[in-house]
Amino acid sequence: MSITHAQICNAVATTLGAATGITYTQSYNQLKEGMNDLPTLQVYWDTTSGDPSGNNDRTTFHAAVRQAEVQILCDLYAAQRNEVGENMATLLPLVDAIINEIEKQDSTTQFGLVGLRGFHWSAQRVIFQYTDPLRTYYGARFTFFFRVY
């Protein structure tokens, strides 16, 4: 892999943290046990899988380069759970703002990193349980799959 997991997490945190309405962004090494500022975006690594090298890979022109897919999770804590309508009214503008930042990424330097060769993503609504004492938060999880080689 030409770039590190830490570089990917930091680049995603910096890019998505610029979304309108995000109060606080935590990359992988800044995660906190408590949730003080909302809305908060937490960015961290989840999984990596690799391809075997081969001589018939069209993307590497017979260079036998191993490709990897890195999965990064971005948890958006929008509001402490109370009334569903109020929570959705807080959440959806934040989701739209993050999607706007994602859509700004071009094919040459995605998230400002040379070495990210492509990505796809998904988002889903989540009710998070977090910290001690246990609190419930309304939010969304963005899952990114980055192709790296």
C-alpha atoms as a PDB file:
ATOM      1  CA  MET A   1       0.000   0.000   0.000  1.00  0.00           C
ATOM      2  CA  SER A   2       1.402   3.377  -0.959  1.00  0.00           C
ATOM      3  CA  ILE A   3      -0.402   5.324   1.783  1.00  0.00           C
ATOM      4  CA  THR A   4      -1.151   4.505   5.397  1.00  0.00           C
ATOM      5  CA  HIS A   5      -4.421   3.879   7.159  1.00  0.00           C
ATOM      6  CA  ALA A   6      -3.692   6.912   9.342  1.00  0.00           C
ATOM      7  CA  GLN A   7      -3.290   9.131   6.268  1.00  0.00           C
ATOM      8  CA  ILE A   8      -6.615   7.933   4.873  1.00  0.00           C
ATOM      9  CA  CYS A   9      -8.451   8.504   8.170  1.00  0.00           C
ATOM     10  CA  ASN A  10      -6.972  11.978   8.589  1.00  0.00           C
ATOM     11  CA  ALA A  11      -7.768  12.953   4.992  1.00  0.00           C
ATOM     12  CA  VAL A  12     -11.380  11.803   5.311  1.00  0.00           C
ATOM     13  CA  ALA A  13     -11.758  13.547   8.682  1.00  0.00           C
ATOM     14  CA  THR A  14     -10.362  16.802   7.310  1.00  0.00           C
ATOM     15  CA  THR A  15     -12.495  16.694   4.170  1.00  0.00           C
ATOM     16  CA  LEU A  16     -15.780  15.677   5.749  1.00  0.00           C
ATOM     17  CA  GLY A  17     -15.195  17.788   8.851  1.00  0.00           C
ATOM     18  CA  ALA A  18     -15.516  20.826   6.578  1.00  0.00           C
ATOM     19  CA  ALA A  19     -19.185  19.974   5.965  1.00  0.00           C
ATOM     20  CA  THR A  20     -21.550  22.725   7.022  1.00  0.00           C
ATOM     21  CA  GLY A  21     -22.904  22.094  10.502  1.00  0.00           C
ATOM     22  CA  ILE A  22     -20.271  19.669  11.812  1.00  0.00           C
ATOM     23  CA  THR A  23     -19.123  21.016  15.181  1.00  0.00           C
ATOM     24  CA  TYR A  24     -16.394  18.546  16.079  1.00  0.00           C
ATOM     25  CA  THR A  25     -14.378  15.976  14.108  1.00  0.00           C
ATOM     26  CA  GLN A  26     -12.335  13.169  15.621  1.00  0.00           C
ATOM     27  CA  SER A  27      -9.925  11.122  13.537  1.00  0.00           C
ATOM     28  CA  TYR A  28      -8.796   7.639  14.586  1.00  0.00           C
ATOM     29  CA  ASN A  29      -6.282   8.811  17.229  1.00  0.00           C
ATOM     30  CA  GLN A  30      -8.525  11.520  18.689  1.00  0.00           C
ATOM     31  CA  LEU A  31     -11.539   9.373  19.596  1.00  0.00           C
ATOM     32  CA  LYS A  32     -12.951  10.196  23.013  1.00  0.00           C
ATOM     33  CA  GLU A  33     -14.842   8.105  25.536  1.00  0.00           C
ATOM     34  CA  GLY A  34     -17.426  10.835  26.095  1.00  0.00           C
ATOM     35  CA  MET A  35     -19.580  12.816  23.702  1.00  0.00           C
ATOM     36  CA  ASN A  36     -19.368  16.512  24.595  1.00  0.00           C
ATOM     37  CA  ASP A  37     -20.002  18.439  21.392  1.00  0.00           C
ATOM     38  CA  LEU A  38     -22.734  17.660  18.901  1.00  0.00           C
ATOM     39  CA  PRO A  39     -22.810  17.151  16.027  1.00  0.00           C
ATOM     40  CA  THR A  40     -19.620  15.084  16.074  1.00  0.00           C
ATOM     41  CA  LEU A  41     -18.035  13.084  13.261  1.00  0.00           C
ATOM     42  CA  GLN A  42     -15.738  10.181  14.201  1.00  0.00           C
ATOM     43  CA  VAL A  43     -13.518   8.658  11.493  1.00  0.00           C
ATOM     44  CA  TYR A  44     -11.729   5.347  11.964  1.00  0.00           C
ATOM     45  CA  TRP A  45     -10.410   2.273  10.145  1.00  0.00           C
ATOM     46  CA  ASP A  46     -12.489  -0.899  10.084  1.00  0.00           C
ATOM     47  CA  THR A  47     -11.081  -3.487   7.648  1.00  0.00           C
ATOM     48  CA  THR A  48      -8.565  -4.000   4.854  1.00  0.00           C
ATOM     49  CA  SER A  49      -8.561  -6.757   2.271  1.00  0.00           C
ATOM     50  CA  GLY A  50      -5.986  -7.404  -0.421  1.00  0.00           C
ATOM     51  CA  ASP A  51      -5.872  -8.950  -3.853  1.00  0.00           C
ATOM     52  CA  PRO A  52      -3.221 -11.473  -4.850  1.00  0.00           C
ATOM     53  CA  SER A  53      -0.648 -10.207  -7.283  1.00  0.00           C
ATOM     54  CA  GLY A  54      -0.878 -11.530 -10.786  1.00  0.00           C
ATOM     55  CA  ASN A  55       0.446 -10.985 -14.252  1.00  0.00           C
ATOM     56  CA  ASN A  56      -2.928 -10.541 -15.908  1.00  0.00           C
ATOM     57  CA  ASP A  57      -4.219  -7.574 -13.910  1.00  0.00           C
ATOM     58  CA  ARG A  58      -5.421  -4.919 -16.356  1.00  0.00           C
ATOM     59  CA  THR A  59      -5.174  -2.035 -13.860  1.00  0.00           C
ATOM     60  CA  THR A  60      -1.475  -2.540 -13.235  1.00  0.00           C
ATOM     61  CA  PHE A  61      -0.368  -3.438 -16.777  1.00  0.00           C
ATOM     62  CA  HIS A  62       1.368  -6.688 -15.851  1.00  0.00           C
ATOM     63  CA  ALA A  63       3.318  -5.107 -12.996  1.00  0.00           C
ATOM     64  CA  ALA A  64       1.969  -7.645 -10.502  1.00  0.00           C
ATOM     65  CA  VAL A  65       0.906  -4.911  -8.082  1.00  0.00           C
ATOM     66  CA  ARG A  66      -1.276  -5.929  -5.182  1.00  0.00           C
ATOM     67  CA  GLN A  67      -4.393  -3.852  -4.717  1.00  0.00           C
ATOM     68  CA  ALA A  68      -6.117  -3.352  -1.381  1.00  0.00           C
ATOM     69  CA  GLU A  69      -9.555  -2.244  -0.352  1.00  0.00           C
ATOM     70  CA  VAL A  70      -9.602  -0.213   2.854  1.00  0.00           C
ATOM     71  CA  GLN A  71     -12.872   0.259   4.714  1.00  0.00           C
ATOM     72  CA  ILE A  72     -13.197   3.461   6.753  1.00  0.00           C
ATOM     73  CA  LEU A  73     -16.194   4.221   8.972  1.00  0.00           C
ATOM     74  CA  CYS A  74     -17.469   7.730   9.668  1.00  0.00           C
ATOM     75  CA  ASP A  75     -19.990   7.929  12.488  1.00  0.00           C
ATOM     76  CA  LEU A  76     -22.031  11.109  12.628  1.00  0.00           C
ATOM     77  CA  TYR A  77     -23.552  11.784  16.033  1.00  0.00           C
ATOM     78  CA  ALA A  78     -26.200  14.401  15.238  1.00  0.00           C
ATOM     79  CA  ALA A  79     -28.259  14.720  18.429  1.00  0.00           C
ATOM     80  CA  GLN A  80     -28.980  13.033  21.700  1.00  0.00           C
ATOM     81  CA  ARG A  81     -31.997  10.806  21.095  1.00  0.00           C
ATOM     82  CA  ASN A  82     -35.343  12.363  22.002  1.00  0.00           C
ATOM     83  CA  GLU A  83     -38.183  12.913  19.491  1.00  0.00           C
ATOM     84  CA  VAL A  84     -37.849  11.235  16.084  1.00  0.00           C
ATOM     85  CA  GLY A  85     -39.057  14.205  14.031  1.00  0.00           C
ATOM     86  CA  GLU A  86     -36.702  16.615  15.787  1.00  0.00           C
ATOM     87  CA  ASN A  87     -33.820  14.178  15.443  1.00  0.00           C
ATOM     88  CA  MET A  88     -34.453  13.703  11.710  1.00  0.00           C
ATOM     89  CA  ALA A  89     -34.700  17.474  11.245  1.00  0.00           C
ATOM     90  CA  THR A  90     -31.229  17.780  12.789  1.00  0.00           C
ATOM     91  CA  LEU A  91     -29.749  14.765  11.004  1.00  0.00           C
ATOM     92  CA  LEU A  92     -30.775  15.172   7.363  1.00  0.00           C
ATOM     93  CA  PRO A  93     -29.169  18.592   6.685  1.00  0.00           C
ATOM     94  CA  LEU A  94     -25.900  17.192   8.119  1.00  0.00           C
ATOM     95  CA  VAL A  95     -26.129  14.089   5.929  1.00  0.00           C
ATOM     96  CA  ASP A  96     -26.743  16.298   2.881  1.00  0.00           C
ATOM     97  CA  ALA A  97     -23.745  18.493   3.791  1.00  0.00           C
ATOM     98  CA  ILE A  98     -21.462  15.450   4.085  1.00  0.00           C
ATOM     99  CA  ILE A  99     -22.729  14.041   0.783  1.00  0.00           C
ATOM    100  CA  ASN A 100     -21.967  17.412  -0.840  1.00  0.00           C
ATOM    101  CA  GLU A 101     -18.363  17.113   0.371  1.00  0.00           C
ATOM    102  CA  ILE A 102     -18.149  13.545  -0.938  1.00  0.00           C
ATOM    103  CA  GLU A 103     -19.452  14.604  -4.348  1.00  0.00           C
ATOM    104  CA  LYS A 104     -16.726  17.261  -4.622  1.00  0.00           C
ATOM    105  CA  GLN A 105     -14.039  14.558  -4.799  1.00  0.00           C
ATOM    106  CA  ASP A 106     -12.537  14.257  -8.266  1.00  0.00           C
ATOM    107  CA  SER A 107     -10.730  11.343  -9.803  1.00  0.00           C
ATOM    108  CA  THR A 108      -7.202  12.747  -9.486  1.00  0.00           C
ATOM    109  CA  THR A 109      -6.738  13.447  -5.772  1.00  0.00           C
ATOM    110  CA  GLN A 110      -9.650  12.047  -3.848  1.00  0.00           C
ATOM    111  CA  PHE A 111      -9.717  13.436  -0.312  1.00  0.00           C
ATOM    112  CA  GLY A 112      -6.445  15.202  -1.140  1.00  0.00           C
ATOM    113  CA  LEU A 113      -4.435  11.957  -1.259  1.00  0.00           C
ATOM    114  CA  VAL A 114      -2.439  10.637  -4.165  1.00  0.00           C
ATOM    115  CA  GLY A 115      -2.731   6.863  -4.035  1.00  0.00           C
ATOM    116  CA  LEU A 116      -6.463   6.557  -3.527  1.00  0.00           C
ATOM    117  CA  ARG A 117      -7.461   5.007  -6.843  1.00  0.00           C
ATOM    118  CA  GLY A 118     -11.200   4.981  -6.361  1.00  0.00           C
ATOM    119  CA  PHE A 119     -13.882   4.643  -3.757  1.00  0.00           C
ATOM    120  CA  HIS A 120     -17.519   3.912  -3.192  1.00  0.00           C
ATOM    121  CA  TRP A 121     -19.578   4.636  -0.143  1.00  0.00           C
ATOM    122  CA  SER A 122     -22.897   4.069   1.584  1.00  0.00           C
ATOM    123  CA  ALA A 123     -24.771   5.796   4.387  1.00  0.00           C
ATOM    124  CA  GLN A 124     -27.398   4.608   6.823  1.00  0.00           C
ATOM    125  CA  ARG A 125     -29.322   6.006   9.751  1.00  0.00           C
ATOM    126  CA  VAL A 126     -28.104   4.690  13.096  1.00  0.00           C
ATOM    127  CA  ILE A 127     -29.125   5.006  16.717  1.00  0.00           C
ATOM    128  CA  PHE A 128     -25.822   4.859  18.593  1.00  0.00           C
ATOM    129  CA  GLN A 129     -25.365   3.811  22.206  1.00  0.00           C
ATOM    130  CA  TYR A 130     -22.256   5.471  23.527  1.00  0.00           C
ATOM    131  CA  THR A 131     -20.272   6.109  26.741  1.00  0.00           C
ATOM    132  CA  ASP A 132     -20.783   5.380  30.386  1.00  0.00           C
ATOM    133  CA  PRO A 133     -23.376   6.243  31.613  1.00  0.00           C
ATOM    134  CA  LEU A 134     -24.996   4.891  28.475  1.00  0.00           C
ATOM    135  CA  ARG A 135     -26.564   7.539  26.261  1.00  0.00           C
ATOM    136  CA  THR A 136     -28.395   7.152  22.985  1.00  0.00           C
ATOM    137  CA  TYR A 137     -27.618   9.344  19.975  1.00  0.00           C
ATOM    138  CA  TYR A 138     -29.362   9.761  16.639  1.00  0.00           C
ATOM    139  CA  GLY A 139     -26.998   9.766  13.693  1.00  0.00           C
ATOM    140  CA  ALA A 140     -25.670   8.178  10.538  1.00  0.00           C
ATOM    141  CA  ARG A 141     -22.829   5.884   9.565  1.00  0.00           C
ATOM    142  CA  PHE A 142     -20.961   6.506   6.334  1.00  0.00           C
ATOM    143  CA  THR A 143     -18.989   3.497   5.123  1.00  0.00           C
ATOM    144  CA  PHE A 144     -16.207   4.112   2.607  1.00  0.00           C
ATOM    145  CA  PHE A 145     -14.424   1.480   0.541  1.00  0.00           C
ATOM    146  CA  PHE A 146     -11.160   2.874  -0.855  1.00  0.00           C
ATOM    147  CA  ARG A 147      -9.142   1.130  -3.582  1.00  0.00           C
ATOM    148  CA  VAL A 148      -5.421   1.573  -2.908  1.00  0.00           C
ATOM    149  CA  TYR A 149      -2.343   0.428  -4.853  1.00  0.00           C
END
